[in-house]
Amino acid sequence: MTYFISQAHLLAADSANLSQSNFLWLRRVLLSGVLVMCGVFWSPAPLSAALPMVVDGQPLPSLAPMLERIEGSVVNISTESEVRVRRGADPFFDDPFFNRFFGKRSYDQKRKRQGLGSGVVFDADSGLILTNAHVIQGADKITVTLQNGQEALAKVIGADKDSDVAVIQVDLQGLKAIPLGDSDALRVGDFVVAIGNPFGLRQTVTSGIVSALGRSGLGIENYEDFIQTDASINPGNSGGALVNLRGELIGINTAIVAPSGGNVGIGFSIPINMVVQIKRQLLEYGAVQRGRLGVRIQDLTPELAEAFGIDARRGAVITRVNKDSMADSAGLRAGDVVVRANGKEITKGAELHNIIGLLPIGERLTLNVVRDGELTTVATTVKNIDQDATVGASMNSRLSGATFGVLGNQLAETAVEGGILVTDVERSSPAWNAGLRKNDIIVSANRKTIADLDTFRMAVSQQSVLRLYIIRGSGALFLLLQ
């Protein structure tokens, strides 16, 4: 409008040189032009805010056609579970003073807990759906709802907590499977779309790009090789689809960084190629049968490369080889630097950790290793993780509720000499109440170094007081059980 107002002033200034009739004629023309233009911008008539369907004869880009093909493959998952909550029967008796005389009075209260998540149909004929293990963990009832409103109860085929992948099954007609893509072909900057049910809002679609690949060391799962994306992922998106612009499934959405409780543009998805490896074992065995090689590893740093006198700048350094392990039999040595595994380049310890941990038991493993500046090839297989299923109570009553096993690849990056792994701890058990937790590494007991399960049994047997030295995550602590 500024342009027309300035032109009106200019014409008015020149009107002194025009005849009265000419001036009136010009004024009518000018005003009519201004009013026409005002009508374009300020007309009270309703106008469409939509973009034109075509520009220069070409249709505008839209995700709608792709989404229409695959949205029906993403389902809503709701869960119900019953949890026991132990509470004091009367606040009066919760007072420590009265507990000394009357004892601790309590009762178990049952509560219903509900959860929401998403899933992706990958086999329509068999009714098989991929989701996250944490979505269905502990659920007594799992309900799957399709885009068209159909509902059915689902059963669990298998779940793997270490990778957070699960397979469930429903008996429903009209399921639609999503095509699988190749997550190894992804590049940073590729456009992606997340589909799920955030906060219970069904069939929500967000878009973004691949922000990073191969994210690990986040402490979210034991096996991490995440796709990072800025496509908005929120609670309820877990188990949903991350797809490329062809509508191919390239990841299962699983976690976000949310310091304020909401999405901040940092979401993580499990690559579909990893998911496929896991779901094969879940379908066949109902669980993932992980193998172990018998090594401890860490990332290759420039300082280590210089110390070893090698040119490699990326890889996984073997820091220890367990005696009589498959690695020992294959001739691997401490100080070897693994640069490729089964043809895949290894840039850090977590990548080798994932490859070994996801290989089925008995699978062939070929490693390209730099040793003393020379590149050599080592071929071996992985074998079953040797875990002791005996509960801790058989060793010492103070360990009731805990089970123990040898250190497997899930803790391969931990620089610990010797030790045993706490494989599980039952909540509210004596071991739990004493502070013992799953994935703790016990390296000494009553000042005796723990090399294996046998030395641990000897150290804790018949002892009235247990003093345990534990590695937990990146820290260490002492626990006193008495």
Protein backbone atom coordinates (compact mmCIF):
# COMPACT_ATOMS: atom_id res chain seq x y z
CA MET A 1 0.00 0.00 0.00
CA THR A 2 2.96 2.37 0.61
CA TYR A 3 3.74 2.38 -3.11
CA PHE A 4 0.22 3.60 -4.08
CA ILE A 5 0.08 6.29 -1.40
CA SER A 6 3.37 7.84 -2.59
CA GLN A 7 2.17 7.85 -6.20
CA ALA A 8 -1.07 9.63 -5.17
CA HIS A 9 0.92 12.46 -3.58
CA LEU A 10 3.04 12.89 -6.71
CA LEU A 11 0.03 13.08 -9.00
CA ALA A 12 -1.72 15.56 -6.71
CA ALA A 13 1.34 17.83 -6.85
CA ASP A 14 1.29 17.82 -10.67
CA SER A 15 -2.43 18.55 -10.86
CA ALA A 16 -1.84 22.31 -10.81
CA ASN A 17 -0.60 22.03 -14.41
CA LEU A 18 -3.72 20.21 -15.53
CA SER A 19 -7.14 21.47 -16.38
CA GLN A 20 -9.90 21.00 -13.87
CA SER A 21 -11.61 18.36 -16.01
CA ASN A 22 -8.39 16.47 -16.58
CA PHE A 23 -7.66 16.62 -12.86
CA LEU A 24 -11.05 15.16 -11.97
CA TRP A 25 -10.59 12.41 -14.55
CA LEU A 26 -7.16 11.49 -13.15
CA ARG A 27 -8.46 11.50 -9.60
CA ARG A 28 -11.25 9.07 -10.52
CA VAL A 29 -8.78 6.75 -12.25
CA LEU A 30 -6.31 6.91 -9.35
CA LEU A 31 -8.93 6.29 -6.66
CA SER A 32 -10.43 3.39 -8.54
CA GLY A 33 -6.96 1.84 -8.88
CA VAL A 34 -6.27 2.27 -5.17
CA LEU A 35 -9.60 0.76 -4.25
CA VAL A 36 -8.99 -2.21 -6.53
CA MET A 37 -5.63 -2.86 -4.93
CA CYS A 38 -7.10 -2.39 -1.44
CA GLY A 39 -9.63 -5.00 -2.37
CA VAL A 40 -6.86 -7.46 -3.11
CA PHE A 41 -5.34 -7.00 0.32
CA TRP A 42 -8.26 -6.07 2.54
CA SER A 43 -11.38 -7.40 0.87
CA PRO A 44 -13.77 -8.88 3.43
CA ALA A 45 -14.57 -11.67 0.97
CA PRO A 46 -13.15 -15.08 2.13
CA LEU A 47 -9.85 -16.03 0.52
CA SER A 48 -8.05 -19.39 0.41
CA ALA A 49 -4.76 -19.55 2.39
CA ALA A 50 -3.65 -22.76 0.68
CA LEU A 51 -0.70 -22.87 -1.67
CA PRO A 52 -1.49 -23.47 -5.32
CA MET A 53 -1.45 -27.07 -6.43
CA VAL A 54 1.08 -26.32 -9.14
CA VAL A 55 3.81 -23.76 -9.70
CA ASP A 56 5.08 -23.17 -13.24
CA GLY A 57 3.15 -26.23 -14.29
CA GLN A 58 4.86 -28.49 -11.74
CA PRO A 59 3.05 -30.06 -8.72
CA LEU A 60 4.29 -28.98 -5.29
CA PRO A 61 6.23 -31.57 -3.29
CA SER A 62 4.21 -33.34 -0.60
CA LEU A 63 4.71 -36.27 1.78
CA ALA A 64 1.01 -37.10 1.62
CA PRO A 65 1.16 -39.78 -1.13
CA MET A 66 3.94 -41.67 0.68
CA LEU A 67 2.21 -41.41 4.06
CA GLU A 68 -1.09 -42.63 2.62
CA ARG A 69 0.68 -45.84 1.59
CA ILE A 70 2.26 -46.64 4.97
CA GLU A 71 0.35 -44.91 7.81
CA GLY A 72 -1.83 -47.99 8.23
CA SER A 73 1.29 -50.02 9.09
CA VAL A 74 1.90 -48.04 12.30
CA VAL A 75 -0.30 -49.09 15.24
CA ASN A 76 -1.14 -47.82 18.69
CA ILE A 77 -0.12 -50.02 21.63
CA SER A 78 -1.68 -49.64 25.07
CA THR A 79 -0.67 -51.76 28.05
CA GLU A 80 -2.04 -52.55 31.49
CA SER A 81 -0.16 -54.06 34.39
CA GLU A 82 -0.77 -54.65 38.05
CA VAL A 83 1.90 -53.52 40.48
CA ARG A 84 2.16 -54.07 44.21
CA VAL A 85 2.89 -51.05 46.36
CA ARG A 86 3.94 -51.66 49.97
CA ARG A 87 2.70 -48.92 52.25
CA GLY A 88 2.30 -48.40 55.97
CA ALA A 89 -1.17 -49.32 57.19
CA ASP A 90 -1.23 -46.35 59.52
CA PRO A 91 1.06 -43.29 59.61
CA PHE A 92 1.15 -43.74 63.38
CA PHE A 93 2.99 -47.03 62.98
CA ASP A 94 5.41 -45.61 60.41
CA ASP A 95 7.13 -43.69 63.20
CA PRO A 96 10.51 -45.38 63.97
CA PHE A 97 9.90 -44.95 67.73
CA PHE A 98 6.71 -47.04 67.68
CA ASN A 99 8.25 -49.55 65.27
CA ARG A 100 10.65 -50.54 68.06
CA PHE A 101 7.72 -51.66 70.20
CA PHE A 102 5.05 -52.76 67.76
CA GLY A 103 7.12 -53.79 64.76
CA LYS A 104 6.69 -52.59 61.18
CA ARG A 105 3.10 -52.91 60.02
CA SER A 106 2.50 -52.86 56.32
CA TYR A 107 0.27 -54.22 53.64
CA ASP A 108 0.46 -54.78 49.89
CA GLN A 109 -1.68 -52.52 47.77
CA LYS A 110 -2.39 -53.40 44.15
CA ARG A 111 -2.47 -50.65 41.57
CA LYS A 112 -3.20 -50.61 37.87
CA ARG A 113 -0.52 -49.07 35.70
CA GLN A 114 -1.17 -48.09 32.09
CA GLY A 115 1.26 -47.37 29.30
CA LEU A 116 1.18 -46.12 25.72
CA GLY A 117 3.44 -46.75 22.77
CA SER A 118 3.58 -47.53 19.08
CA GLY A 119 4.34 -50.49 16.86
CA VAL A 120 5.06 -51.28 13.21
CA VAL A 121 3.55 -54.17 11.24
CA PHE A 122 6.26 -56.06 9.35
CA ASP A 123 4.41 -59.31 8.53
CA ALA A 124 0.73 -58.74 7.78
CA ASP A 125 -0.13 -62.39 7.08
CA SER A 126 1.20 -63.57 10.45
CA GLY A 127 0.12 -60.47 12.38
CA LEU A 128 3.68 -59.70 13.54
CA ILE A 129 4.52 -56.26 14.90
CA LEU A 130 7.81 -54.66 15.95
CA THR A 131 7.99 -52.42 18.99
CA ASN A 132 10.30 -51.53 21.89
CA ALA A 133 10.83 -54.01 24.71
CA HIS A 134 10.24 -51.28 27.28
CA VAL A 135 6.80 -50.57 25.79
CA ILE A 136 5.48 -54.04 26.68
CA GLN A 137 7.73 -54.85 29.64
CA GLY A 138 5.78 -56.23 32.60
CA ALA A 139 2.44 -55.81 30.83
CA ASP A 140 -0.43 -58.11 31.82
CA LYS A 141 -2.54 -56.91 28.90
CA ILE A 142 -1.41 -55.53 25.53
CA THR A 143 -3.97 -53.96 23.19
CA VAL A 144 -3.18 -53.07 19.60
CA THR A 145 -5.33 -50.49 17.80
CA LEU A 146 -5.17 -50.00 14.04
CA GLN A 147 -5.63 -46.73 12.17
CA ASN A 148 -9.20 -47.74 11.27
CA GLY A 149 -10.10 -48.30 14.92
CA GLN A 150 -9.90 -52.11 14.99
CA GLU A 151 -8.57 -53.50 18.26
CA ALA A 152 -7.16 -56.82 19.39
CA LEU A 153 -5.19 -58.26 22.27
CA ALA A 154 -1.58 -59.08 21.45
CA LYS A 155 0.75 -61.79 22.72
CA VAL A 156 4.49 -61.44 23.13
CA ILE A 157 6.59 -63.53 20.75
CA GLY A 158 9.89 -62.37 22.20
CA ALA A 159 11.62 -59.36 23.74
CA ASP A 160 15.25 -58.36 24.17
CA LYS A 161 15.92 -55.80 26.91
CA ASP A 162 19.56 -55.29 25.94
CA SER A 163 18.63 -53.89 22.52
CA ASP A 164 15.09 -52.76 23.45
CA VAL A 165 13.45 -54.68 20.59
CA ALA A 166 10.32 -56.80 20.89
CA VAL A 167 7.99 -58.73 18.58
CA ILE A 168 4.29 -59.10 19.38
CA GLN A 169 1.49 -60.80 17.45
CA VAL A 170 -2.19 -60.04 16.86
CA ASP A 171 -5.01 -61.86 15.10
CA LEU A 172 -6.51 -59.12 12.94
CA GLN A 173 -7.66 -58.86 9.36
CA GLY A 174 -6.60 -56.04 7.07
CA LEU A 175 -3.10 -55.54 8.43
CA LYS A 176 -0.68 -53.75 6.16
CA ALA A 177 3.06 -54.44 6.31
CA ILE A 178 5.60 -51.67 5.86
CA PRO A 179 8.50 -52.18 3.41
CA LEU A 180 11.93 -52.43 5.04
CA GLY A 181 14.79 -50.15 3.99
CA ASP A 182 18.56 -50.30 4.44
CA SER A 183 19.77 -48.29 7.43
CA ASP A 184 23.40 -48.84 6.38
CA ALA A 185 22.72 -46.67 3.33
CA LEU A 186 21.68 -43.66 5.42
CA ARG A 187 23.70 -40.45 5.35
CA VAL A 188 23.70 -37.49 7.68
CA GLY A 189 21.33 -34.95 6.14
CA ASP A 190 18.88 -37.48 4.66
CA PHE A 191 15.25 -36.51 5.17
CA VAL A 192 13.27 -38.80 7.48
CA VAL A 193 9.74 -38.98 8.86
CA ALA A 194 8.68 -40.25 12.31
CA ILE A 195 5.24 -41.83 12.70
CA GLY A 196 3.73 -42.80 16.02
CA ASN A 197 1.30 -41.99 18.80
CA PRO A 198 2.92 -39.34 21.03
CA PHE A 199 0.96 -38.67 24.22
CA GLY A 200 -1.71 -41.02 22.88
CA LEU A 201 -2.39 -38.82 19.83
CA ARG A 202 -2.79 -41.45 17.15
CA GLN A 203 -1.09 -41.32 13.76
CA THR A 204 1.05 -38.27 14.35
CA VAL A 205 3.64 -37.49 11.68
CA THR A 206 6.76 -35.35 12.13
CA SER A 207 9.65 -34.78 9.77
CA GLY A 208 13.32 -33.90 10.00
CA ILE A 209 16.73 -35.11 8.95
CA VAL A 210 19.29 -37.66 10.05
CA SER A 211 21.37 -35.62 12.50
CA ALA A 212 24.01 -38.28 13.22
CA LEU A 213 24.69 -41.99 12.79
CA GLY A 214 26.23 -44.65 15.00
CA ARG A 215 25.43 -42.95 18.30
CA SER A 216 26.60 -45.13 21.22
CA GLY A 217 27.81 -44.80 24.77
CA LEU A 218 24.58 -43.09 25.82
CA GLY A 219 23.74 -45.63 28.51
CA ILE A 220 20.23 -46.15 27.13
CA GLU A 221 20.72 -49.78 26.09
CA ASN A 222 23.49 -52.35 26.30
CA TYR A 223 23.69 -52.46 22.50
CA GLU A 224 23.61 -49.00 20.95
CA ASP A 225 24.07 -47.91 17.36
CA PHE A 226 21.41 -45.22 17.21
CA ILE A 227 20.24 -43.04 14.36
CA GLN A 228 19.93 -39.52 15.75
CA THR A 229 17.20 -37.34 14.24
CA ASP A 230 15.58 -33.96 14.84
CA ALA A 231 12.19 -35.27 13.71
CA SER A 232 10.03 -34.66 16.77
CA ILE A 233 9.81 -37.77 18.98
CA ASN A 234 7.87 -37.66 22.24
CA PRO A 235 6.56 -40.08 24.90
CA GLY A 236 4.27 -42.54 23.13
CA ASN A 237 6.40 -42.53 19.96
CA SER A 238 8.44 -45.44 21.35
CA GLY A 239 8.20 -48.42 19.03
CA GLY A 240 7.00 -46.28 16.12
CA ALA A 241 8.44 -45.95 12.64
CA LEU A 242 11.26 -43.85 11.27
CA VAL A 243 10.98 -43.94 7.47
CA ASN A 244 12.78 -42.44 4.51
CA LEU A 245 11.03 -40.46 1.78
CA ARG A 246 10.31 -43.69 -0.11
CA GLY A 247 8.23 -44.89 2.84
CA GLU A 248 10.73 -47.60 3.81
CA LEU A 249 11.25 -48.43 7.49
CA ILE A 250 14.80 -47.50 8.44
CA GLY A 251 14.49 -47.32 12.23
CA ILE A 252 12.38 -47.97 15.34
CA ASN A 253 11.99 -44.84 17.47
CA THR A 254 13.05 -45.51 21.02
CA ALA A 255 14.37 -42.56 23.06
CA ILE A 256 14.79 -38.81 23.31
CA VAL A 257 16.97 -36.34 25.13
CA ALA A 258 14.44 -34.30 27.10
CA PRO A 259 15.97 -32.22 29.90
CA SER A 260 12.77 -30.21 30.20
CA GLY A 261 10.42 -33.17 29.74
CA GLY A 262 9.59 -32.34 26.11
CA ASN A 263 11.19 -32.75 22.72
CA VAL A 264 14.30 -30.65 22.08
CA GLY A 265 15.13 -32.03 18.65
CA ILE A 266 17.36 -34.92 19.74
CA GLY A 267 15.71 -38.30 19.20
CA PHE A 268 17.16 -41.78 18.74
CA SER A 269 16.04 -44.73 16.62
CA ILE A 270 17.34 -48.28 16.44
CA PRO A 271 18.59 -48.96 12.87
CA ILE A 272 16.37 -51.42 11.03
CA ASN A 273 19.35 -53.57 10.02
CA MET A 274 20.07 -54.18 13.71
CA VAL A 275 16.37 -54.78 14.40
CA VAL A 276 16.20 -57.41 11.64
CA GLN A 277 19.07 -59.38 13.20
CA ILE A 278 17.35 -59.34 16.58
CA LYS A 279 13.85 -60.17 15.37
CA ARG A 280 15.14 -63.26 13.55
CA GLN A 281 16.28 -64.73 16.86
CA LEU A 282 13.14 -63.57 18.66
CA LEU A 283 11.00 -65.38 16.10
CA GLU A 284 13.10 -68.54 16.29
CA TYR A 285 13.97 -68.74 19.99
CA GLY A 286 11.79 -66.14 21.73
CA ALA A 287 14.97 -64.49 22.99
CA VAL A 288 18.39 -63.44 21.72
CA GLN A 289 21.04 -66.09 22.31
CA ARG A 290 24.14 -63.96 22.61
CA GLY A 291 27.61 -65.26 22.21
CA ARG A 292 30.91 -64.11 23.63
CA LEU A 293 34.39 -63.98 22.23
CA GLY A 294 36.28 -63.64 25.51
CA VAL A 295 37.96 -60.24 25.13
CA ARG A 296 37.91 -56.79 26.72
CA ILE A 297 38.12 -53.86 24.35
CA GLN A 298 38.37 -50.08 24.27
CA ASP A 299 38.51 -47.33 21.66
CA LEU A 300 41.77 -46.71 19.83
CA THR A 301 43.07 -43.24 20.74
CA PRO A 302 45.89 -41.30 19.04
CA GLU A 303 48.00 -41.85 22.16
CA LEU A 304 47.48 -45.63 22.03
CA ALA A 305 48.17 -45.69 18.29
CA GLU A 306 51.46 -43.90 18.90
CA ALA A 307 52.34 -46.22 21.78
CA PHE A 308 51.66 -49.30 19.62
CA GLY A 309 53.54 -47.76 16.68
CA ILE A 310 50.70 -48.23 14.20
CA ASP A 311 49.29 -45.94 11.51
CA ALA A 312 45.65 -46.74 12.24
CA ARG A 313 43.75 -43.93 13.88
CA ARG A 314 40.42 -45.69 14.42
CA GLY A 315 39.57 -49.13 15.69
CA ALA A 316 39.01 -51.25 18.79
CA VAL A 317 41.96 -52.20 20.99
CA ILE A 318 41.90 -55.60 22.68
CA THR A 319 43.00 -54.95 26.26
CA ARG A 320 42.59 -58.48 27.60
CA VAL A 321 42.03 -62.01 26.28
CA ASN A 322 40.36 -64.47 28.65
CA LYS A 323 42.17 -67.74 29.09
CA ASP A 324 40.67 -70.73 27.21
CA SER A 325 38.18 -68.45 25.43
CA MET A 326 37.42 -68.51 21.71
CA ALA A 327 39.60 -65.43 21.31
CA ASP A 328 42.46 -67.23 23.03
CA SER A 329 42.07 -70.27 20.79
CA ALA A 330 42.04 -68.04 17.70
CA GLY A 331 45.34 -66.43 18.71
CA LEU A 332 44.12 -62.93 19.53
CA ARG A 333 46.42 -60.96 21.86
CA ALA A 334 46.18 -57.96 24.13
CA GLY A 335 47.30 -54.95 22.09
CA ASP A 336 45.73 -56.15 18.84
CA VAL A 337 43.74 -53.43 17.07
CA VAL A 338 40.60 -54.64 15.29
CA VAL A 339 39.91 -52.48 12.22
CA ARG A 340 37.28 -54.63 10.46
CA ALA A 341 34.84 -57.33 11.59
CA ASN A 342 32.98 -59.51 9.07
CA GLY A 343 33.84 -56.94 6.41
CA LYS A 344 32.51 -53.94 8.34
CA GLU A 345 34.88 -51.13 9.29
CA ILE A 346 35.41 -50.76 13.05
CA THR A 347 36.00 -47.20 14.24
CA LYS A 348 35.36 -47.68 17.98
CA GLY A 349 34.93 -50.36 20.60
CA ALA A 350 31.13 -50.10 20.71
CA GLU A 351 30.87 -51.18 17.06
CA LEU A 352 32.82 -54.38 17.69
CA HIS A 353 30.82 -54.91 20.87
CA ASN A 354 27.57 -54.72 18.87
CA ILE A 355 28.74 -57.04 16.10
CA ILE A 356 29.86 -59.74 18.53
CA GLY A 357 26.80 -59.40 20.75
CA LEU A 358 24.34 -59.64 17.85
CA LEU A 359 25.94 -62.66 16.21
CA PRO A 360 24.04 -65.93 16.75
CA ILE A 361 25.91 -68.55 18.76
CA GLY A 362 28.30 -70.52 16.58
CA GLU A 363 28.39 -67.84 13.87
CA ARG A 364 31.69 -67.29 12.07
CA LEU A 365 33.58 -64.10 12.90
CA THR A 366 36.42 -62.79 10.74
CA LEU A 367 38.53 -60.00 12.18
CA ASN A 368 41.10 -57.84 10.41
CA VAL A 369 43.68 -56.99 13.05
CA VAL A 370 46.70 -54.69 13.14
CA ARG A 371 49.48 -56.35 15.17
CA ASP A 372 53.00 -54.95 15.43
CA GLY A 373 52.27 -52.73 12.44
CA GLU A 374 51.17 -55.65 10.25
CA LEU A 375 47.63 -56.35 9.06
CA THR A 376 46.53 -59.92 9.77
CA THR A 377 43.27 -61.86 9.61
CA VAL A 378 41.86 -63.92 12.48
CA ALA A 379 38.86 -66.23 12.04
CA THR A 380 36.89 -67.68 14.95
CA THR A 381 33.35 -68.25 16.23
CA VAL A 382 31.36 -66.96 19.18
CA LYS A 383 30.02 -69.26 21.87
CA ASN A 384 27.34 -69.05 24.50
CA ILE A 385 27.73 -66.68 27.43
CA ASP A 386 28.39 -68.90 30.42
CA GLN A 387 26.05 -67.69 33.14
CA ASP A 388 25.34 -69.28 36.50
CA ALA A 389 21.60 -69.46 36.99
CA THR A 390 22.00 -70.32 40.66
CA VAL A 391 20.67 -67.60 42.92
CA GLY A 392 22.99 -65.91 45.38
CA ALA A 393 21.21 -67.56 48.32
CA SER A 394 23.06 -70.79 47.53
CA MET A 395 26.33 -68.94 48.24
CA ASN A 396 25.27 -66.73 51.13
CA SER A 397 21.85 -65.75 52.48
CA ARG A 398 22.83 -62.07 52.25
CA LEU A 399 22.96 -62.47 48.47
CA SER A 400 19.39 -63.78 48.22
CA GLY A 401 17.60 -62.40 45.19
CA ALA A 402 20.74 -61.93 43.08
CA THR A 403 22.15 -64.10 40.29
CA PHE A 404 25.68 -63.96 38.93
CA GLY A 405 27.55 -64.76 35.74
CA VAL A 406 30.79 -64.22 33.90
CA LEU A 407 31.51 -60.89 32.25
CA GLY A 408 30.20 -60.94 28.69
CA ASN A 409 30.47 -58.55 25.77
CA GLN A 410 27.80 -56.27 27.21
CA LEU A 411 30.54 -54.86 29.46
CA ALA A 412 33.46 -55.30 27.08
CA GLU A 413 34.37 -51.63 27.18
CA THR A 414 34.81 -51.63 30.98
CA ALA A 415 38.50 -51.65 31.84
CA VAL A 416 38.31 -54.14 34.73
CA GLU A 417 40.73 -56.95 35.48
CA GLY A 418 38.77 -59.99 36.63
CA GLY A 419 35.41 -59.82 38.33
CA ILE A 420 31.95 -61.33 37.91
CA LEU A 421 28.72 -59.84 36.66
CA VAL A 422 25.51 -59.37 38.64
CA THR A 423 23.05 -60.60 36.00
CA ASP A 424 19.87 -59.82 37.91
CA VAL A 425 18.60 -58.61 41.29
CA GLU A 426 15.05 -59.17 42.51
CA ARG A 427 13.51 -55.96 43.77
CA SER A 428 13.04 -55.78 47.59
CA SER A 429 15.23 -58.87 48.11
CA PRO A 430 18.08 -58.87 50.70
CA ALA A 431 20.61 -58.28 47.90
CA TRP A 432 18.54 -55.38 46.54
CA ASN A 433 18.08 -53.81 49.96
CA ALA A 434 21.82 -54.03 50.56
CA GLY A 435 22.38 -51.94 47.40
CA LEU A 436 23.35 -54.58 44.83
CA ARG A 437 22.12 -53.84 41.30
CA LYS A 438 21.95 -55.56 37.92
CA ASN A 439 25.12 -55.10 35.79
CA ASP A 440 27.30 -54.38 38.84
CA ILE A 441 30.77 -55.90 38.51
CA ILE A 442 32.12 -57.43 41.70
CA VAL A 443 35.93 -57.32 41.61
CA SER A 444 36.69 -58.26 45.22
CA ALA A 445 34.88 -59.82 48.18
CA ASN A 446 36.20 -59.61 51.73
CA ARG A 447 39.47 -58.27 50.29
CA LYS A 448 39.92 -61.28 48.01
CA THR A 449 40.28 -60.62 44.28
CA ILE A 450 37.49 -62.23 42.27
CA ALA A 451 38.63 -63.87 39.05
CA ASP A 452 35.59 -66.07 38.36
CA LEU A 453 32.47 -67.57 39.91
CA ASP A 454 34.43 -70.23 41.79
CA THR A 455 36.62 -67.72 43.61
CA PHE A 456 33.52 -65.67 44.42
CA ARG A 457 31.81 -68.70 45.98
CA MET A 458 34.87 -69.38 48.12
CA ALA A 459 35.13 -65.75 49.21
CA VAL A 460 31.51 -65.38 50.35
CA SER A 461 30.72 -68.86 51.63
CA GLN A 462 30.09 -69.11 55.39
CA GLN A 463 30.86 -65.42 55.90
CA SER A 464 28.69 -63.43 58.33
CA VAL A 465 29.75 -60.10 56.83
CA LEU A 466 30.35 -59.43 53.14
CA ARG A 467 32.46 -56.50 52.02
CA LEU A 468 32.15 -56.14 48.24
CA TYR A 469 34.10 -53.82 45.98
CA ILE A 470 31.95 -52.99 42.95
CA ILE A 471 32.36 -51.26 39.61
CA ARG A 472 29.10 -49.57 38.60
CA GLY A 473 29.08 -47.69 35.33
CA SER A 474 32.02 -45.30 35.36
CA GLY A 475 32.28 -45.29 39.18
CA ALA A 476 33.20 -47.65 42.01
CA LEU A 477 31.91 -48.26 45.53
CA PHE A 478 32.08 -50.55 48.55
CA LEU A 479 29.00 -52.44 49.78
CA LEU A 480 28.75 -53.91 53.27
CA LEU A 481 26.25 -56.77 53.64
CA GLN A 482 25.69 -57.88 57.24
